[in-house]
PDB file of N, CA and C in Angstrom:
ATOM      1  N   MET A   1      -0.302   4.383  -6.191  1.00  0.00           N
ATOM      2  CA  MET A   1      -1.553   3.897  -7.154  1.00  0.00           C
ATOM      3  C   MET A   1      -2.818   4.664  -6.518  1.00  0.00           C
ATOM      4  N   ALA A   2      -1.752   3.284  -5.241  1.00  0.00           N
ATOM      5  CA  ALA A   2      -3.479   3.226  -4.184  1.00  0.00           C
ATOM      6  C   ALA A   2      -3.577   4.613  -4.039  1.00  0.00           C
ATOM      7  N   ILE A   3      -2.987   5.676  -2.845  1.00  0.00           N
ATOM      8  CA  ILE A   3      -2.770   6.630  -2.758  1.00  0.00           C
ATOM      9  C   ILE A   3      -4.138   7.228  -3.723  1.00  0.00           C
ATOM     10  N   LEU A   4      -3.751   7.524  -4.355  1.00  0.00           N
ATOM     11  CA  LEU A   4      -4.240   8.150  -5.594  1.00  0.00           C
ATOM     12  C   LEU A   4      -5.835   7.880  -5.515  1.00  0.00           C
ATOM     13  N   ASP A   5      -5.806   6.698  -6.352  1.00  0.00           N
ATOM     14  CA  ASP A   5      -7.256   6.149  -6.088  1.00  0.00           C
ATOM     15  C   ASP A   5      -7.935   6.693  -4.142  1.00  0.00           C
ATOM     16  N   LYS A   6      -7.830   6.319  -3.346  1.00  0.00           N
ATOM     17  CA  LYS A   6      -8.581   6.671  -1.791  1.00  0.00           C
ATOM     18  C   LYS A   6      -8.541   7.890  -1.843  1.00  0.00           C
ATOM     19  N   LEU A   7      -7.864   9.005  -2.723  1.00  0.00           N
ATOM     20  CA  LEU A   7      -7.802  10.789  -3.145  1.00  0.00           C
ATOM     21  C   LEU A   7      -9.184  10.836  -3.452  1.00  0.00           C
ATOM     22  N   LEU A   8      -9.192  10.165  -4.876  1.00  0.00           N
ATOM     23  CA  LEU A   8     -10.299  10.341  -6.091  1.00  0.00           C
ATOM     24  C   LEU A   8     -11.380   9.727  -5.949  1.00  0.00           C
ATOM     25  N   GLY A   9     -11.478   8.612  -4.545  1.00  0.00           N
ATOM     26  CA  GLY A   9     -12.955   8.305  -4.394  1.00  0.00           C
ATOM     27  C   GLY A   9     -13.772   6.925  -4.690  1.00  0.00           C
ATOM     28  N   ARG A  10     -11.987   6.387  -5.994  1.00  0.00           N
ATOM     29  CA  ARG A  10     -12.639   5.259  -6.027  1.00  0.00           C
ATOM     30  C   ARG A  10     -12.321   4.120  -4.854  1.00  0.00           C
ATOM     31  N   ASN A  11     -12.598   3.030  -5.676  1.00  0.00           N
ATOM     32  CA  ASN A  11     -13.626   2.116  -4.870  1.00  0.00           C
ATOM     33  C   ASN A  11     -12.719   0.394  -5.481  1.00  0.00           C
ATOM     34  N   THR A  12     -13.075  -0.800  -4.980  1.00  0.00           N
ATOM     35  CA  THR A  12     -12.202  -1.378  -5.356  1.00  0.00           C
ATOM     36  C   THR A  12     -13.374  -2.553  -6.332  1.00  0.00           C
ATOM     37  N   MET A  13     -14.377  -1.965  -6.632  1.00  0.00           N
ATOM     38  CA  MET A  13     -15.019  -2.142  -7.312  1.00  0.00           C
ATOM     39  C   MET A  13     -15.580  -1.486  -8.188  1.00  0.00           C
ATOM     40  N   SER A  14     -15.049  -0.358  -8.677  1.00  0.00           N
ATOM     41  CA  SER A  14     -14.785  -0.301  -9.430  1.00  0.00           C
ATOM     42  C   SER A  14     -14.021   1.025 -10.094  1.00  0.00           C
ATOM     43  N   ASP A  15     -13.597   1.749 -11.045  1.00  0.00           N
ATOM     44  CA  ASP A  15     -12.649   2.929 -11.223  1.00  0.00           C
ATOM     45  C   ASP A  15     -13.153   3.920 -11.141  1.00  0.00           C
ATOM     46  N   THR A  16     -14.778   4.327 -11.564  1.00  0.00           N
ATOM     47  CA  THR A  16     -15.368   5.434 -11.728  1.00  0.00           C
ATOM     48  C   THR A  16     -14.990   6.407 -10.161  1.00  0.00           C
ATOM     49  N   PRO A  17     -14.865   7.583  -9.836  1.00  0.00           N
ATOM     50  CA  PRO A  17     -14.487   8.361  -8.624  1.00  0.00           C
ATOM     51  C   PRO A  17     -15.334   8.495  -8.541  1.00  0.00           C
ATOM     52  N   THR A  18     -16.107   8.247  -6.878  1.00  0.00           N
ATOM     53  CA  THR A  18     -17.504   8.450  -6.725  1.00  0.00           C
ATOM     54  C   THR A  18     -17.633   9.637  -5.388  1.00  0.00           C
ATOM     55  N   LYS A  19     -19.358  10.425  -5.315  1.00  0.00           N
ATOM     56  CA  LYS A  19     -19.162  11.514  -4.404  1.00  0.00           C
ATOM     57  C   LYS A  19     -20.591  10.817  -3.592  1.00  0.00           C
ATOM     58  N   VAL A  20     -20.800  11.348  -2.208  1.00  0.00           N
ATOM     59  CA  VAL A  20     -21.091  10.988  -1.551  1.00  0.00           C
ATOM     60  C   VAL A  20     -22.325  12.563  -1.663  1.00  0.00           C
ATOM     61  N   ILE A  21     -23.237  11.925  -1.081  1.00  0.00           N
ATOM     62  CA  ILE A  21     -24.167  13.417  -1.110  1.00  0.00           C
ATOM     63  C   ILE A  21     -25.646  12.790  -0.463  1.00  0.00           C
ATOM     64  N   VAL A  22     -25.904  13.908   0.314  1.00  0.00           N
ATOM     65  CA  VAL A  22     -26.059  13.993   2.294  1.00  0.00           C
ATOM     66  C   VAL A  22     -27.160  14.558   1.815  1.00  0.00           C
ATOM     67  N   ASP A  23     -28.922  14.714   2.026  1.00  0.00           N
ATOM     68  CA  ASP A  23     -29.216  14.745   2.290  1.00  0.00           C
ATOM     69  C   ASP A  23     -29.708  15.339   3.747  1.00  0.00           C
ATOM     70  N   CYS A  24     -28.758  16.777   4.154  1.00  0.00           N
ATOM     71  CA  CYS A  24     -29.244  16.628   5.759  1.00  0.00           C
ATOM     72  C   CYS A  24     -30.813  16.290   5.957  1.00  0.00           C
ATOM     73  N   SER A  25     -31.732  16.819   5.748  1.00  0.00           N
ATOM     74  CA  SER A  25     -33.160  16.450   6.378  1.00  0.00           C
ATOM     75  C   SER A  25     -33.280  15.851   6.546  1.00  0.00           C
ATOM     76  N   THR A  26     -32.849  14.546   6.018  1.00  0.00           N
ATOM     77  CA  THR A  26     -33.208  12.771   6.339  1.00  0.00           C
ATOM     78  C   THR A  26     -32.230  12.344   6.556  1.00  0.00           C
ATOM     79  N   GLY A  27     -31.311  12.343   6.349  1.00  0.00           N
ATOM     80  CA  GLY A  27     -30.017  12.149   6.140  1.00  0.00           C
ATOM     81  C   GLY A  27     -30.085  10.503   5.370  1.00  0.00           C
ATOM     82  N   GLU A  28     -30.411  10.802   4.325  1.00  0.00           N
ATOM     83  CA  GLU A  28     -30.317  10.330   2.978  1.00  0.00           C
ATOM     84  C   GLU A  28     -29.186  10.061   2.343  1.00  0.00           C
ATOM     85  N   GLN A  29     -28.229   8.867   1.492  1.00  0.00           N
ATOM     86  CA  GLN A  29     -26.984   9.196   1.519  1.00  0.00           C
ATOM     87  C   GLN A  29     -27.798   7.931  -0.115  1.00  0.00           C
ATOM     88  N   THR A  30     -27.093   9.960  -0.838  1.00  0.00           N
ATOM     89  CA  THR A  30     -26.462   9.373  -2.495  1.00  0.00           C
ATOM     90  C   THR A  30     -25.430   8.810  -2.868  1.00  0.00           C
ATOM     91  N   VAL A  31     -24.436   8.117  -3.284  1.00  0.00           N
ATOM     92  CA  VAL A  31     -23.474   8.088  -4.012  1.00  0.00           C
ATOM     93  C   VAL A  31     -23.656   7.922  -5.092  1.00  0.00           C
ATOM     94  N   VAL A  32     -22.707   8.848  -6.202  1.00  0.00           N
ATOM     95  CA  VAL A  32     -22.867   8.744  -7.554  1.00  0.00           C
ATOM     96  C   VAL A  32     -21.717   9.386  -7.629  1.00  0.00           C
ATOM     97  N   PRO A  33     -21.391   9.065  -8.933  1.00  0.00           N
ATOM     98  CA  PRO A  33     -20.060   9.036 -10.292  1.00  0.00           C
ATOM     99  C   PRO A  33     -19.788  10.363 -10.046  1.00  0.00           C
ATOM    100  N   LEU A  34     -18.613  10.326 -10.225  1.00  0.00           N
ATOM    101  CA  LEU A  34     -17.453  12.119 -10.731  1.00  0.00           C
ATOM    102  C   LEU A  34     -18.328  12.360 -11.712  1.00  0.00           C
ATOM    103  N   SER A  35     -18.072  13.256 -12.454  1.00  0.00           N
ATOM    104  CA  SER A  35     -17.998  13.898 -13.943  1.00  0.00           C
ATOM    105  C   SER A  35     -17.232  13.946 -14.258  1.00  0.00           C
ATOM    106  N   ALA A  36     -16.425  14.295 -15.361  1.00  0.00           N
ATOM    107  CA  ALA A  36     -15.084  14.191 -16.340  1.00  0.00           C
ATOM    108  C   ALA A  36     -15.200  15.407 -15.644  1.00  0.00           C
ATOM    109  N   GLU A  37     -15.176  16.474 -15.677  1.00  0.00           N
ATOM    110  CA  GLU A  37     -14.763  17.948 -15.059  1.00  0.00           C
ATOM    111  C   GLU A  37     -14.845  17.329 -13.672  1.00  0.00           C
ATOM    112  N   GLU A  38     -15.101  16.763 -13.263  1.00  0.00           N
ATOM    113  CA  GLU A  38     -14.805  16.846 -11.502  1.00  0.00           C
ATOM    114  C   GLU A  38     -13.200  15.699 -11.231  1.00  0.00           C
ATOM    115  N   ILE A  39     -13.302  14.858 -11.893  1.00  0.00           N
ATOM    116  CA  ILE A  39     -12.740  14.040 -12.289  1.00  0.00           C
ATOM    117  C   ILE A  39     -10.937  14.528 -12.134  1.00  0.00           C
ATOM    118  N   ALA A  40     -10.811  15.954 -13.418  1.00  0.00           N
ATOM    119  CA  ALA A  40      -9.826  16.121 -14.090  1.00  0.00           C
ATOM    120  C   ALA A  40      -9.525  17.248 -13.221  1.00  0.00           C
ATOM    121  N   GLN A  41     -10.334  18.007 -12.341  1.00  0.00           N
ATOM    122  CA  GLN A  41      -9.986  19.196 -11.380  1.00  0.00           C
ATOM    123  C   GLN A  41      -9.523  18.372 -10.178  1.00  0.00           C
ATOM    124  N   MET A  42      -9.739  16.861  -9.923  1.00  0.00           N
ATOM    125  CA  MET A  42      -9.297  15.816  -8.592  1.00  0.00           C
ATOM    126  C   MET A  42      -7.812  15.590  -8.917  1.00  0.00           C
ATOM    127  N   GLU A  43      -8.248  15.138  -9.938  1.00  0.00           N
ATOM    128  CA  GLU A  43      -6.613  14.823 -10.768  1.00  0.00           C
ATOM    129  C   GLU A  43      -5.664  16.016 -10.739  1.00  0.00           C
ATOM    130  N   ALA A  44      -6.022  17.475 -10.622  1.00  0.00           N
ATOM    131  CA  ALA A  44      -5.208  18.592 -11.041  1.00  0.00           C
ATOM    132  C   ALA A  44      -4.883  19.145  -9.550  1.00  0.00           C
ATOM    133  N   ALA A  45      -5.814  18.429  -9.175  1.00  0.00           N
ATOM    134  CA  ALA A  45      -5.487  18.913  -7.575  1.00  0.00           C
ATOM    135  C   ALA A  45      -4.128  17.913  -6.363  1.00  0.00           C
ATOM    136  N   ALA A  46      -4.604  16.687  -7.389  1.00  0.00           N
ATOM    137  CA  ALA A  46      -3.775  15.948  -7.052  1.00  0.00           C
ATOM    138  C   ALA A  46      -2.199  15.727  -6.388  1.00  0.00           C
ATOM    139  N   ALA A  47      -2.312  16.759  -8.547  1.00  0.00           N
ATOM    140  CA  ALA A  47      -0.536  16.708  -8.927  1.00  0.00           C
ATOM    141  C   ALA A  47      -0.545  17.983  -8.516  1.00  0.00           C
ATOM    142  N   SER A  48      -0.744  19.125  -8.374  1.00  0.00           N
ATOM    143  CA  SER A  48      -0.576  20.386  -7.943  1.00  0.00           C
ATOM    144  C   SER A  48       0.451  20.317  -5.888  1.00  0.00           C
ATOM    145  N   ALA A  49      -0.452  19.340  -5.790  1.00  0.00           N
ATOM    146  CA  ALA A  49      -0.454  19.377  -4.152  1.00  0.00           C
ATOM    147  C   ALA A  49       1.460  17.576  -4.411  1.00  0.00           C
ATOM    148  N   ALA A  50       1.060  17.498  -5.314  1.00  0.00           N
ATOM    149  CA  ALA A  50       1.994  16.809  -4.852  1.00  0.00           C
ATOM    150  C   ALA A  50       3.981  17.742  -6.080  1.00  0.00           C
ATOM    151  N   GLU A  51       2.762  18.641  -6.432  1.00  0.00           N
ATOM    152  CA  GLU A  51       4.858  19.285  -7.319  1.00  0.00           C
ATOM    153  C   GLU A  51       4.618  20.346  -5.355  1.00  0.00           C
ATOM    154  N   ALA A  52       3.544  20.759  -5.315  1.00  0.00           N
ATOM    155  CA  ALA A  52       3.570  21.036  -3.725  1.00  0.00           C
ATOM    156  C   ALA A  52       4.787  21.185  -2.391  1.00  0.00           C
ATOM    157  N   GLN A  53       4.607  19.744  -2.316  1.00  0.00           N
ATOM    158  CA  GLN A  53       5.141  18.544  -1.107  1.00  0.00           C
ATOM    159  C   GLN A  53       6.608  18.173  -1.809  1.00  0.00           C
ATOM    160  N   ALA A  54       6.437  18.295  -3.106  1.00  0.00           N
ATOM    161  CA  ALA A  54       7.858  18.503  -3.815  1.00  0.00           C
ATOM    162  C   ALA A  54       8.281  19.498  -3.512  1.00  0.00           C
ATOM    163  N   LYS A  55       8.040  20.994  -4.085  1.00  0.00           N
ATOM    164  CA  LYS A  55       9.416  21.927  -3.876  1.00  0.00           C
ATOM    165  C   LYS A  55       9.299  21.875  -2.344  1.00  0.00           C
ATOM    166  N   ALA A  56       8.202  21.616  -1.320  1.00  0.00           N
ATOM    167  CA  ALA A  56       8.962  22.490   0.612  1.00  0.00           C
ATOM    168  C   ALA A  56       9.785  21.138   0.574  1.00  0.00           C
ATOM    169  N   ASP A  57       9.768  19.418   0.176  1.00  0.00           N
ATOM    170  CA  ASP A  57      10.550  19.361   0.821  1.00  0.00           C
ATOM    171  C   ASP A  57      12.335  19.021   0.137  1.00  0.00           C
ATOM    172  N   ALA A  58      11.968  19.506  -1.004  1.00  0.00           N
ATOM    173  CA  ALA A  58      13.559  20.242  -2.199  1.00  0.00           C
ATOM    174  C   ALA A  58      14.360  21.724  -0.501  1.00  0.00           C
ATOM    175  N   GLU A  59      13.296  22.358  -0.179  1.00  0.00           N
ATOM    176  CA  GLU A  59      13.654  23.452   0.261  1.00  0.00           C
ATOM    177  C   GLU A  59      13.877  22.695   1.923  1.00  0.00           C
ATOM    178  N   ALA A  60      12.990  22.017   2.138  1.00  0.00           N
ATOM    179  CA  ALA A  60      14.267  21.846   3.470  1.00  0.00           C
ATOM    180  C   ALA A  60      15.037  21.528   3.849  1.00  0.00           C
ATOM    181  N   ALA A  61      15.396  20.265   2.245  1.00  0.00           N
ATOM    182  CA  ALA A  61      17.160  19.800   2.125  1.00  0.00           C
ATOM    183  C   ALA A  61      17.925  20.548   2.099  1.00  0.00           C
ATOM    184  N   ALA A  62      17.151  22.023   1.974  1.00  0.00           N
ATOM    185  CA  ALA A  62      18.806  22.993   0.822  1.00  0.00           C
ATOM    186  C   ALA A  62      18.829  23.580   2.088  1.00  0.00           C
ATOM    187  N   VAL A  63      17.687  23.718   3.359  1.00  0.00           N
ATOM    188  CA  VAL A  63      17.760  24.479   4.396  1.00  0.00           C
ATOM    189  C   VAL A  63      19.255  24.393   4.884  1.00  0.00           C
ATOM    190  N   ALA A  64      18.432  22.825   5.393  1.00  0.00           N
ATOM    191  CA  ALA A  64      19.467  21.835   5.623  1.00  0.00           C
ATOM    192  C   ALA A  64      21.309  21.435   5.058  1.00  0.00           C
ATOM    193  N   ALA A  65      20.858  21.353   4.383  1.00  0.00           N
ATOM    194  CA  ALA A  65      23.038  21.241   4.014  1.00  0.00           C
ATOM    195  C   ALA A  65      22.805  22.671   4.188  1.00  0.00           C
ATOM    196  N   ALA A  66      22.463  23.700   4.138  1.00  0.00           N
ATOM    197  CA  ALA A  66      23.214  24.447   4.148  1.00  0.00           C
ATOM    198  C   ALA A  66      23.532  25.823   5.440  1.00  0.00           C
ATOM    199  N   LYS A  67      22.264  24.473   6.601  1.00  0.00           N
ATOM    200  CA  LYS A  67      22.848  24.475   8.250  1.00  0.00           C
ATOM    201  C   LYS A  67      24.065  23.715   8.631  1.00  0.00           C
ATOM    202  N   GLN A  68      24.106  22.754   8.378  1.00  0.00           N
ATOM    203  CA  GLN A  68      25.327  21.582   7.730  1.00  0.00           C
ATOM    204  C   GLN A  68      26.366  21.986   7.305  1.00  0.00           C
ATOM    205  N   SER A  69      26.558  23.115   6.136  1.00  0.00           N
ATOM    206  CA  SER A  69      27.470  23.594   5.739  1.00  0.00           C
ATOM    207  C   SER A  69      27.900  24.231   7.116  1.00  0.00           C
ATOM    208  N   ALA A  70      27.431  25.298   7.140  1.00  0.00           N
ATOM    209  CA  ALA A  70      28.390  26.697   7.768  1.00  0.00           C
ATOM    210  C   ALA A  70      28.399  26.263   9.298  1.00  0.00           C
ATOM    211  N   GLN A  71      27.874  24.808   9.711  1.00  0.00           N
ATOM    212  CA  GLN A  71      28.278  23.977  10.862  1.00  0.00           C
ATOM    213  C   GLN A  71      29.764  23.482  10.661  1.00  0.00           C
ATOM    214  N   ASP A  72      29.898  23.020   9.574  1.00  0.00           N
ATOM    215  CA  ASP A  72      31.367  22.430   8.813  1.00  0.00           C
ATOM    216  C   ASP A  72      31.836  23.635   8.593  1.00  0.00           C
ATOM    217  N   LYS A  73      31.750  25.012   8.017  1.00  0.00           N
ATOM    218  CA  LYS A  73      32.510  25.762   7.545  1.00  0.00           C
ATOM    219  C   LYS A  73      33.539  26.640   9.686  1.00  0.00           C
ATOM    220  N   LEU A  74      32.428  26.834  10.901  1.00  0.00           N
ATOM    221  CA  LEU A  74      32.872  27.230  12.193  1.00  0.00           C
ATOM    222  C   LEU A  74      33.795  25.847  12.460  1.00  0.00           C
ATOM    223  N   LYS A  75      33.105  24.639  11.935  1.00  0.00           N
ATOM    224  CA  LYS A  75      34.091  23.288  12.272  1.00  0.00           C
ATOM    225  C   LYS A  75      35.707  23.788  12.571  1.00  0.00           C
ATOM    226  N   ALA A  76      35.690  24.128  10.611  1.00  0.00           N
ATOM    227  CA  ALA A  76      36.835  24.105  10.330  1.00  0.00           C
ATOM    228  C   ALA A  76      37.793  25.528  11.259  1.00  0.00           C
ATOM    229  N   LEU A  77      37.167  25.776  11.250  1.00  0.00           N
ATOM    230  CA  LEU A  77      37.221  27.495  11.764  1.00  0.00           C
ATOM    231  C   LEU A  77      38.436  27.106  13.044  1.00  0.00           C
ATOM    232  N   GLY A  78      38.171  26.089  13.647  1.00  0.00           N
ATOM    233  CA  GLY A  78      38.395  26.045  14.958  1.00  0.00           C
ATOM    234  C   GLY A  78      37.727  25.592  16.014  1.00  0.00           C
ATOM    235  N   LEU A  79      36.163  26.188  15.901  1.00  0.00           N
ATOM    236  CA  LEU A  79      35.408  26.282  16.320  1.00  0.00           C
ATOM    237  C   LEU A  79      34.802  25.106  17.275  1.00  0.00           C
ATOM    238  N   SER A  80      34.359  24.767  19.083  1.00  0.00           N
ATOM    239  CA  SER A  80      33.971  23.553  19.513  1.00  0.00           C
ATOM    240  C   SER A  80      32.584  23.243  18.945  1.00  0.00           C
ATOM    241  N   ASP A  81      32.197  22.319  18.923  1.00  0.00           N
ATOM    242  CA  ASP A  81      30.867  21.319  18.977  1.00  0.00           C
ATOM    243  C   ASP A  81      29.736  23.064  19.981  1.00  0.00           C
ATOM    244  N   THR A  82      30.488  23.009  21.168  1.00  0.00           N
ATOM    245  CA  THR A  82      29.828  23.807  21.976  1.00  0.00           C
ATOM    246  C   THR A  82      29.559  24.916  21.832  1.00  0.00           C
ATOM    247  N   GLU A  83      31.061  25.541  20.854  1.00  0.00           N
ATOM    248  CA  GLU A  83      31.462  27.368  20.514  1.00  0.00           C
ATOM    249  C   GLU A  83      29.362  26.849  19.930  1.00  0.00           C
ATOM    250  N   ILE A  84      29.635  26.450  18.462  1.00  0.00           N
ATOM    251  CA  ILE A  84      28.488  26.179  17.291  1.00  0.00           C
ATOM    252  C   ILE A  84      27.884  26.335  17.949  1.00  0.00           C
ATOM    253  N   ALA A  85      27.123  25.692  18.818  1.00  0.00           N
ATOM    254  CA  ALA A  85      25.702  25.163  19.327  1.00  0.00           C
ATOM    255  C   ALA A  85      25.539  26.623  19.910  1.00  0.00           C
ATOM    256  N   ALA A  86      26.406  27.349  20.485  1.00  0.00           N
ATOM    257  CA  ALA A  86      26.172  28.807  21.638  1.00  0.00           C
ATOM    258  C   ALA A  86      25.806  29.780  20.588  1.00  0.00           C
ATOM    259  N   LEU A  87      26.422  29.282  19.266  1.00  0.00           N
ATOM    260  CA  LEU A  87      26.480  30.060  18.074  1.00  0.00           C
ATOM    261  C   LEU A  87      24.527  30.501  17.096  1.00  0.00           C
ATOM    262  N   THR A  88      24.070  29.068  16.512  1.00  0.00           N
ATOM    263  CA  THR A  88      23.446  29.052  16.416  1.00  0.00           C
ATOM    264  C   THR A  88      22.445  28.257  17.172  1.00  0.00           C
ATOM    265  N   GLY A  89      22.326  28.134  18.016  1.00  0.00           N
ATOM    266  CA  GLY A  89      21.057  27.758  18.780  1.00  0.00           C
ATOM    267  C   GLY A  89      20.428  26.195  18.930  1.00  0.00           C
ATOM    268  N   ILE A  90      22.120  25.755  17.971  1.00  0.00           N
ATOM    269  CA  ILE A  90      20.825  24.245  17.662  1.00  0.00           C
ATOM    270  C   ILE A  90      21.703  23.705  18.320  1.00  0.00           C
TER     271      ILE A  90
END
């Protein structure tokens, strides 16, 4: 939860996420709490990012499992590790 809190801009003083508004002409910085809509958008974005990462991790695991399965099948056919590497480039 600490990572989500950090992503949402929550500080240790309160649970309300904040944003920093910078006036580029003066350099003045103002910290303001996020609106309910901004908080909902950030939480939705964080959930979407976590879902996308989980999907990418699952796809990478499936590819790795398929590669290992292919290598095991080649090995079962009697190919050496060197021959398998020559065929697969691994």
